[in-house]
Amino acid sequence: YPDLVFSTREVEPEFYRLLYGSSIMI
């Protein structure tokens, strides 16, 4: 899936920042 946006702990260690910026989490 090369078109997906990927996130790692090394690049974005703050998980809550991702949650607050999203509409739903799976």
PDB file of all heavy atoms in Angstrom:
ATOM      1  N   TYR A   1       0.839  -1.216   0.000  1.00  0.00           N
ATOM      2  CA  TYR A   1       0.000   0.000   0.000  1.00  0.00           C
ATOM      3  C   TYR A   1       0.865   1.253   0.000  1.00  0.00           C
ATOM      4  O   TYR A   1       0.874   2.015   0.965  1.00  0.00           O
ATOM      5  CB  TYR A   1      -0.919  -0.006   1.222  1.00  0.00           C
ATOM      6  CG  TYR A   1      -1.752  -1.259   1.324  1.00  0.00           C
ATOM      7  CD1 TYR A   1      -1.390  -2.284   2.207  1.00  0.00           C
ATOM      8  CD2 TYR A   1      -2.883  -1.433   0.538  1.00  0.00           C
ATOM      9  CE1 TYR A   1      -2.154  -3.446   2.296  1.00  0.00           C
ATOM     10  CE2 TYR A   1      -3.647  -2.584   0.625  1.00  0.00           C
ATOM     11  CZ  TYR A   1      -3.271  -3.583   1.504  1.00  0.00           C
ATOM     12  OH  TYR A   1      -4.018  -4.721   1.592  1.00  0.00           O
ATOM     13  N   PRO A   2       1.574   1.520  -1.078  1.00  0.00           N
ATOM     14  CA  PRO A   2       2.510   2.645  -1.092  1.00  0.00           C
ATOM     15  C   PRO A   2       1.831   4.018  -1.003  1.00  0.00           C
ATOM     16  O   PRO A   2       2.485   4.998  -0.656  1.00  0.00           O
ATOM     17  CB  PRO A   2       3.243   2.474  -2.429  1.00  0.00           C
ATOM     18  CG  PRO A   2       2.316   1.678  -3.273  1.00  0.00           C
ATOM     19  CD  PRO A   2       1.574   0.775  -2.344  1.00  0.00           C
ATOM     20  N   ASP A   3       0.520   4.089  -1.272  1.00  0.00           N
ATOM     21  CA  ASP A   3      -0.175   5.378  -1.224  1.00  0.00           C
ATOM     22  C   ASP A   3      -0.668   5.764   0.165  1.00  0.00           C
ATOM     23  O   ASP A   3      -1.123   6.886   0.363  1.00  0.00           O
ATOM     24  CB  ASP A   3      -1.368   5.365  -2.192  1.00  0.00           C
ATOM     25  CG  ASP A   3      -0.931   5.250  -3.647  1.00  0.00           C
ATOM     26  OD1 ASP A   3       0.210   5.663  -3.953  1.00  0.00           O
ATOM     27  OD2 ASP A   3      -1.725   4.761  -4.469  1.00  0.00           O
ATOM     28  N   LEU A   4      -0.584   4.857   1.121  1.00  0.00           N
ATOM     29  CA  LEU A   4      -1.018   5.192   2.478  1.00  0.00           C
ATOM     30  C   LEU A   4      -0.012   6.127   3.137  1.00  0.00           C
ATOM     31  O   LEU A   4       1.169   6.152   2.780  1.00  0.00           O
ATOM     32  CB  LEU A   4      -1.137   3.934   3.338  1.00  0.00           C
ATOM     33  CG  LEU A   4      -2.284   2.977   3.047  1.00  0.00           C
ATOM     34  CD1 LEU A   4      -2.235   1.787   4.014  1.00  0.00           C
ATOM     35  CD2 LEU A   4      -3.625   3.663   3.153  1.00  0.00           C
ATOM     36  N   VAL A   5      -0.485   6.861   4.124  1.00  0.00           N
ATOM     37  CA  VAL A   5       0.394   7.675   4.962  1.00  0.00           C
ATOM     38  C   VAL A   5       0.800   6.801   6.139  1.00  0.00           C
ATOM     39  O   VAL A   5      -0.041   6.156   6.759  1.00  0.00           O
ATOM     40  CB  VAL A   5      -0.342   8.940   5.453  1.00  0.00           C
ATOM     41  CG1 VAL A   5       0.532   9.730   6.408  1.00  0.00           C
ATOM     42  CG2 VAL A   5      -0.789   9.788   4.270  1.00  0.00           C
ATOM     43  N   PHE A   6       2.090   6.751   6.445  1.00  0.00           N
ATOM     44  CA  PHE A   6       2.600   5.889   7.503  1.00  0.00           C
ATOM     45  C   PHE A   6       3.123   6.718   8.668  1.00  0.00           C
ATOM     46  O   PHE A   6       3.623   7.833   8.480  1.00  0.00           O
ATOM     47  CB  PHE A   6       3.712   4.978   6.968  1.00  0.00           C
ATOM     48  CG  PHE A   6       3.223   4.043   5.907  1.00  0.00           C
ATOM     49  CD1 PHE A   6       3.382   4.340   4.566  1.00  0.00           C
ATOM     50  CD2 PHE A   6       2.569   2.877   6.263  1.00  0.00           C
ATOM     51  CE1 PHE A   6       2.917   3.479   3.584  1.00  0.00           C
ATOM     52  CE2 PHE A   6       2.093   2.010   5.293  1.00  0.00           C
ATOM     53  CZ  PHE A   6       2.269   2.313   3.948  1.00  0.00           C
ATOM     54  N   SER A   7       3.013   6.167   9.856  1.00  0.00           N
ATOM     55  CA  SER A   7       3.485   6.816  11.068  1.00  0.00           C
ATOM     56  C   SER A   7       4.266   5.802  11.891  1.00  0.00           C
ATOM     57  O   SER A   7       3.875   4.640  11.987  1.00  0.00           O
ATOM     58  CB  SER A   7       2.294   7.342  11.878  1.00  0.00           C
ATOM     59  OG  SER A   7       2.725   7.805  13.139  1.00  0.00           O
ATOM     60  N   THR A   8       5.355   6.268  12.475  1.00  0.00           N
ATOM     61  CA  THR A   8       6.138   5.426  13.378  1.00  0.00           C
ATOM     62  C   THR A   8       6.388   6.197  14.671  1.00  0.00           C
ATOM     63  O   THR A   8       6.288   7.431  14.712  1.00  0.00           O
ATOM     64  CB  THR A   8       7.499   5.043  12.774  1.00  0.00           C
ATOM     65  OG1 THR A   8       8.261   6.240  12.576  1.00  0.00           O
ATOM     66  CG2 THR A   8       7.333   4.293  11.465  1.00  0.00           C
ATOM     67  N   ARG A   9       6.735   5.475  15.707  1.00  0.00           N
ATOM     68  CA  ARG A   9       7.057   6.117  16.983  1.00  0.00           C
ATOM     69  C   ARG A   9       8.284   7.012  16.863  1.00  0.00           C
ATOM     70  O   ARG A   9       8.404   8.003  17.569  1.00  0.00           O
ATOM     71  CB  ARG A   9       7.317   5.060  18.048  1.00  0.00           C
ATOM     72  CG  ARG A   9       6.085   4.337  18.465  1.00  0.00           C
ATOM     73  CD  ARG A   9       6.423   3.250  19.461  1.00  0.00           C
ATOM     74  NE  ARG A   9       5.198   2.582  19.852  1.00  0.00           N
ATOM     75  CZ  ARG A   9       4.980   2.091  21.037  1.00  0.00           C
ATOM     76  NH1 ARG A   9       5.902   2.156  21.967  1.00  0.00           N
ATOM     77  NH2 ARG A   9       3.850   1.498  21.319  1.00  0.00           N
ATOM     78  N   GLU A  10       9.192   6.639  15.979  1.00  0.00           N
ATOM     79  CA  GLU A  10      10.416   7.428  15.828  1.00  0.00           C
ATOM     80  C   GLU A  10      10.120   8.807  15.223  1.00  0.00           C
ATOM     81  O   GLU A  10      10.727   9.804  15.614  1.00  0.00           O
ATOM     82  CB  GLU A  10      11.429   6.690  14.942  1.00  0.00           C
ATOM     83  CG  GLU A  10      11.973   5.405  15.530  1.00  0.00           C
ATOM     84  CD  GLU A  10      11.007   4.226  15.422  1.00  0.00           C
ATOM     85  OE1 GLU A  10      10.100   4.249  14.572  1.00  0.00           O
ATOM     86  OE2 GLU A  10      11.158   3.291  16.220  1.00  0.00           O
ATOM     87  N   VAL A  11       9.172   8.866  14.295  1.00  0.00           N
ATOM     88  CA  VAL A  11       8.840  10.135  13.638  1.00  0.00           C
ATOM     89  C   VAL A  11       7.812  10.923  14.454  1.00  0.00           C
ATOM     90  O   VAL A  11       7.935  12.128  14.621  1.00  0.00           O
ATOM     91  CB  VAL A  11       8.310   9.887  12.204  1.00  0.00           C
ATOM     92  CG1 VAL A  11       7.825  11.171  11.567  1.00  0.00           C
ATOM     93  CG2 VAL A  11       9.394   9.241  11.349  1.00  0.00           C
ATOM     94  N   GLU A  12       6.800  10.239  14.972  1.00  0.00           N
ATOM     95  CA  GLU A  12       5.755  10.877  15.786  1.00  0.00           C
ATOM     96  C   GLU A  12       5.553  10.075  17.062  1.00  0.00           C
ATOM     97  O   GLU A  12       4.747   9.148  17.108  1.00  0.00           O
ATOM     98  CB  GLU A  12       4.444  10.978  14.997  1.00  0.00           C
ATOM     99  CG  GLU A  12       3.277  11.566  15.767  1.00  0.00           C
ATOM    100  CD  GLU A  12       3.572  12.910  16.407  1.00  0.00           C
ATOM    101  OE1 GLU A  12       3.535  13.919  15.682  1.00  0.00           O
ATOM    102  OE2 GLU A  12       3.849  12.963  17.621  1.00  0.00           O
ATOM    103  N   PRO A  13       6.315  10.406  18.104  1.00  0.00           N
ATOM    104  CA  PRO A  13       6.211   9.621  19.337  1.00  0.00           C
ATOM    105  C   PRO A  13       4.910   9.864  20.100  1.00  0.00           C
ATOM    106  O   PRO A  13       4.511   9.046  20.910  1.00  0.00           O
ATOM    107  CB  PRO A  13       7.421  10.077  20.154  1.00  0.00           C
ATOM    108  CG  PRO A  13       7.774  11.408  19.607  1.00  0.00           C
ATOM    109  CD  PRO A  13       7.355  11.413  18.171  1.00  0.00           C
ATOM    110  N   GLU A  14       4.251  10.976  19.846  1.00  0.00           N
ATOM    111  CA  GLU A  14       3.046  11.339  20.593  1.00  0.00           C
ATOM    112  C   GLU A  14       1.799  10.748  19.945  1.00  0.00           C
ATOM    113  O   GLU A  14       1.241  11.303  19.009  1.00  0.00           O
ATOM    114  CB  GLU A  14       2.922  12.854  20.707  1.00  0.00           C
ATOM    115  CG  GLU A  14       1.803  13.326  21.598  1.00  0.00           C
ATOM    116  CD  GLU A  14       1.844  12.722  22.993  1.00  0.00           C
ATOM    117  OE1 GLU A  14       2.899  12.766  23.646  1.00  0.00           O
ATOM    118  OE2 GLU A  14       0.798  12.204  23.414  1.00  0.00           O
ATOM    119  N   PHE A  15       1.345   9.591  20.447  1.00  0.00           N
ATOM    120  CA  PHE A  15       0.184   8.894  19.911  1.00  0.00           C
ATOM    121  C   PHE A  15      -1.085   9.748  19.995  1.00  0.00           C
ATOM    122  O   PHE A  15      -1.903   9.754  19.071  1.00  0.00           O
ATOM    123  CB  PHE A  15      -0.004   7.568  20.655  1.00  0.00           C
ATOM    124  CG  PHE A  15      -1.208   6.792  20.229  1.00  0.00           C
ATOM    125  CD1 PHE A  15      -1.298   6.274  18.948  1.00  0.00           C
ATOM    126  CD2 PHE A  15      -2.262   6.576  21.098  1.00  0.00           C
ATOM    127  CE1 PHE A  15      -2.407   5.551  18.542  1.00  0.00           C
ATOM    128  CE2 PHE A  15      -3.370   5.851  20.700  1.00  0.00           C
ATOM    129  CZ  PHE A  15      -3.436   5.343  19.423  1.00  0.00           C
ATOM    130  N   TYR A  16      -1.260  10.483  21.092  1.00  0.00           N
ATOM    131  CA  TYR A  16      -2.481  11.289  21.240  1.00  0.00           C
ATOM    132  C   TYR A  16      -2.585  12.375  20.175  1.00  0.00           C
ATOM    133  O   TYR A  16      -3.671  12.741  19.762  1.00  0.00           O
ATOM    134  CB  TYR A  16      -2.566  11.897  22.641  1.00  0.00           C
ATOM    135  CG  TYR A  16      -2.938  10.873  23.683  1.00  0.00           C
ATOM    136  CD1 TYR A  16      -2.011  10.444  24.619  1.00  0.00           C
ATOM    137  CD2 TYR A  16      -4.216  10.325  23.711  1.00  0.00           C
ATOM    138  CE1 TYR A  16      -2.354   9.497  25.575  1.00  0.00           C
ATOM    139  CE2 TYR A  16      -4.564   9.379  24.656  1.00  0.00           C
ATOM    140  CZ  TYR A  16      -3.635   8.969  25.587  1.00  0.00           C
ATOM    141  OH  TYR A  16      -3.976   8.028  26.521  1.00  0.00           O
ATOM    142  N   ARG A  17      -1.467  12.880  19.717  1.00  0.00           N
ATOM    143  CA  ARG A  17      -1.502  13.887  18.654  1.00  0.00           C
ATOM    144  C   ARG A  17      -2.146  13.292  17.395  1.00  0.00           C
ATOM    145  O   ARG A  17      -2.922  13.942  16.706  1.00  0.00           O
ATOM    146  CB  ARG A  17      -0.094  14.408  18.367  1.00  0.00           C
ATOM    147  CG  ARG A  17      -0.085  15.665  17.552  1.00  0.00           C
ATOM    148  CD  ARG A  17       1.285  16.303  17.324  1.00  0.00           C
ATOM    149  NE  ARG A  17       2.448  15.726  17.945  1.00  0.00           N
ATOM    150  CZ  ARG A  17       3.080  16.237  19.010  1.00  0.00           C
ATOM    151  NH1 ARG A  17       2.632  17.336  19.583  1.00  0.00           N
ATOM    152  NH2 ARG A  17       4.171  15.666  19.494  1.00  0.00           N
ATOM    153  N   LEU A  18      -1.827  12.040  17.110  1.00  0.00           N
ATOM    154  CA  LEU A  18      -2.464  11.360  15.974  1.00  0.00           C
ATOM    155  C   LEU A  18      -3.960  11.169  16.205  1.00  0.00           C
ATOM    156  O   LEU A  18      -4.765  11.379  15.306  1.00  0.00           O
ATOM    157  CB  LEU A  18      -1.807  10.007  15.720  1.00  0.00           C
ATOM    158  CG  LEU A  18      -0.417  10.013  15.136  1.00  0.00           C
ATOM    159  CD1 LEU A  18       0.142   8.597  15.087  1.00  0.00           C
ATOM    160  CD2 LEU A  18      -0.417  10.616  13.747  1.00  0.00           C
ATOM    161  N   LEU A  19      -4.309  10.753  17.414  1.00  0.00           N
ATOM    162  CA  LEU A  19      -5.733  10.558  17.714  1.00  0.00           C
ATOM    163  C   LEU A  19      -6.518  11.853  17.572  1.00  0.00           C
ATOM    164  O   LEU A  19      -7.576  11.879  16.947  1.00  0.00           O
ATOM    165  CB  LEU A  19      -5.916  10.004  19.130  1.00  0.00           C
ATOM    166  CG  LEU A  19      -5.685   8.524  19.325  1.00  0.00           C
ATOM    167  CD1 LEU A  19      -5.872   8.141  20.790  1.00  0.00           C
ATOM    168  CD2 LEU A  19      -6.595   7.699  18.448  1.00  0.00           C
ATOM    169  N   TYR A  20      -6.013  12.915  18.167  1.00  0.00           N
ATOM    170  CA  TYR A  20      -6.737  14.188  18.108  1.00  0.00           C
ATOM    171  C   TYR A  20      -6.851  14.716  16.683  1.00  0.00           C
ATOM    172  O   TYR A  20      -7.770  15.448  16.362  1.00  0.00           O
ATOM    173  CB  TYR A  20      -6.079  15.233  19.010  1.00  0.00           C
ATOM    174  CG  TYR A  20      -6.280  14.972  20.486  1.00  0.00           C
ATOM    175  CD1 TYR A  20      -5.201  14.969  21.360  1.00  0.00           C
ATOM    176  CD2 TYR A  20      -7.545  14.727  21.006  1.00  0.00           C
ATOM    177  CE1 TYR A  20      -5.373  14.735  22.713  1.00  0.00           C
ATOM    178  CE2 TYR A  20      -7.725  14.490  22.356  1.00  0.00           C
ATOM    179  CZ  TYR A  20      -6.641  14.494  23.202  1.00  0.00           C
ATOM    180  OH  TYR A  20      -6.817  14.261  24.543  1.00  0.00           O
ATOM    181  N   GLY A  21      -5.948  14.313  15.829  1.00  0.00           N
ATOM    182  CA  GLY A  21      -5.985  14.758  14.441  1.00  0.00           C
ATOM    183  C   GLY A  21      -6.775  13.838  13.530  1.00  0.00           C
ATOM    184  O   GLY A  21      -6.809  14.046  12.320  1.00  0.00           O
ATOM    185  N   SER A  22      -7.403  12.814  14.106  1.00  0.00           N
ATOM    186  CA  SER A  22      -8.146  11.861  13.284  1.00  0.00           C
ATOM    187  C   SER A  22      -9.622  11.863  13.651  1.00  0.00           C
ATOM    188  O   SER A  22     -10.010  12.320  14.730  1.00  0.00           O
ATOM    189  CB  SER A  22      -7.574  10.447  13.472  1.00  0.00           C
ATOM    190  OG  SER A  22      -7.871   9.967  14.770  1.00  0.00           O
ATOM    191  N   SER A  23     -10.440  11.336  12.774  1.00  0.00           N
ATOM    192  CA  SER A  23     -11.871  11.267  13.052  1.00  0.00           C
ATOM    193  C   SER A  23     -12.267   9.919  13.648  1.00  0.00           C
ATOM    194  O   SER A  23     -13.277   9.820  14.331  1.00  0.00           O
ATOM    195  CB  SER A  23     -12.679  11.537  11.783  1.00  0.00           C
ATOM    196  OG  SER A  23     -12.386  10.576  10.797  1.00  0.00           O
ATOM    197  N   ILE A  24     -11.476   8.892  13.394  1.00  0.00           N
ATOM    198  CA  ILE A  24     -11.759   7.571  13.942  1.00  0.00           C
ATOM    199  C   ILE A  24     -10.458   6.773  13.994  1.00  0.00           C
ATOM    200  O   ILE A  24      -9.566   6.961  13.176  1.00  0.00           O
ATOM    201  CB  ILE A  24     -12.829   6.829  13.116  1.00  0.00           C
ATOM    202  CG1 ILE A  24     -13.284   5.564  13.831  1.00  0.00           C
ATOM    203  CG2 ILE A  24     -12.344   6.528  11.709  1.00  0.00           C
ATOM    204  CD1 ILE A  24     -14.579   4.985  13.287  1.00  0.00           C
ATOM    205  N   MET A  25     -10.392   5.875  14.978  1.00  0.00           N
ATOM    206  CA  MET A  25      -9.223   5.012  15.111  1.00  0.00           C
ATOM    207  C   MET A  25      -9.686   3.571  14.956  1.00  0.00           C
ATOM    208  O   MET A  25     -10.738   3.205  15.479  1.00  0.00           O
ATOM    209  CB  MET A  25      -8.592   5.206  16.495  1.00  0.00           C
ATOM    210  CG  MET A  25      -7.168   4.698  16.607  1.00  0.00           C
ATOM    211  SD  MET A  25      -6.959   3.010  17.174  1.00  0.00           S
ATOM    212  CE  MET A  25      -7.309   3.136  18.889  1.00  0.00           C
ATOM    213  N   ILE A  26      -8.925   2.780  14.221  1.00  0.00           N
ATOM    214  CA  ILE A  26      -9.201   1.355  14.098  1.00  0.00           C
ATOM    215  C   ILE A  26      -8.022   0.611  14.721  1.00  0.00           C
ATOM    216  O   ILE A  26      -6.901   0.703  14.233  1.00  0.00           O
ATOM    217  CB  ILE A  26      -9.391   0.930  12.628  1.00  0.00           C
ATOM    218  CG1 ILE A  26     -10.532   1.731  12.003  1.00  0.00           C
ATOM    219  CG2 ILE A  26      -9.666  -0.571  12.548  1.00  0.00           C
ATOM    220  CD1 ILE A  26     -10.693   1.520  10.509  1.00  0.00           C
TER     221      ILE A  26
END
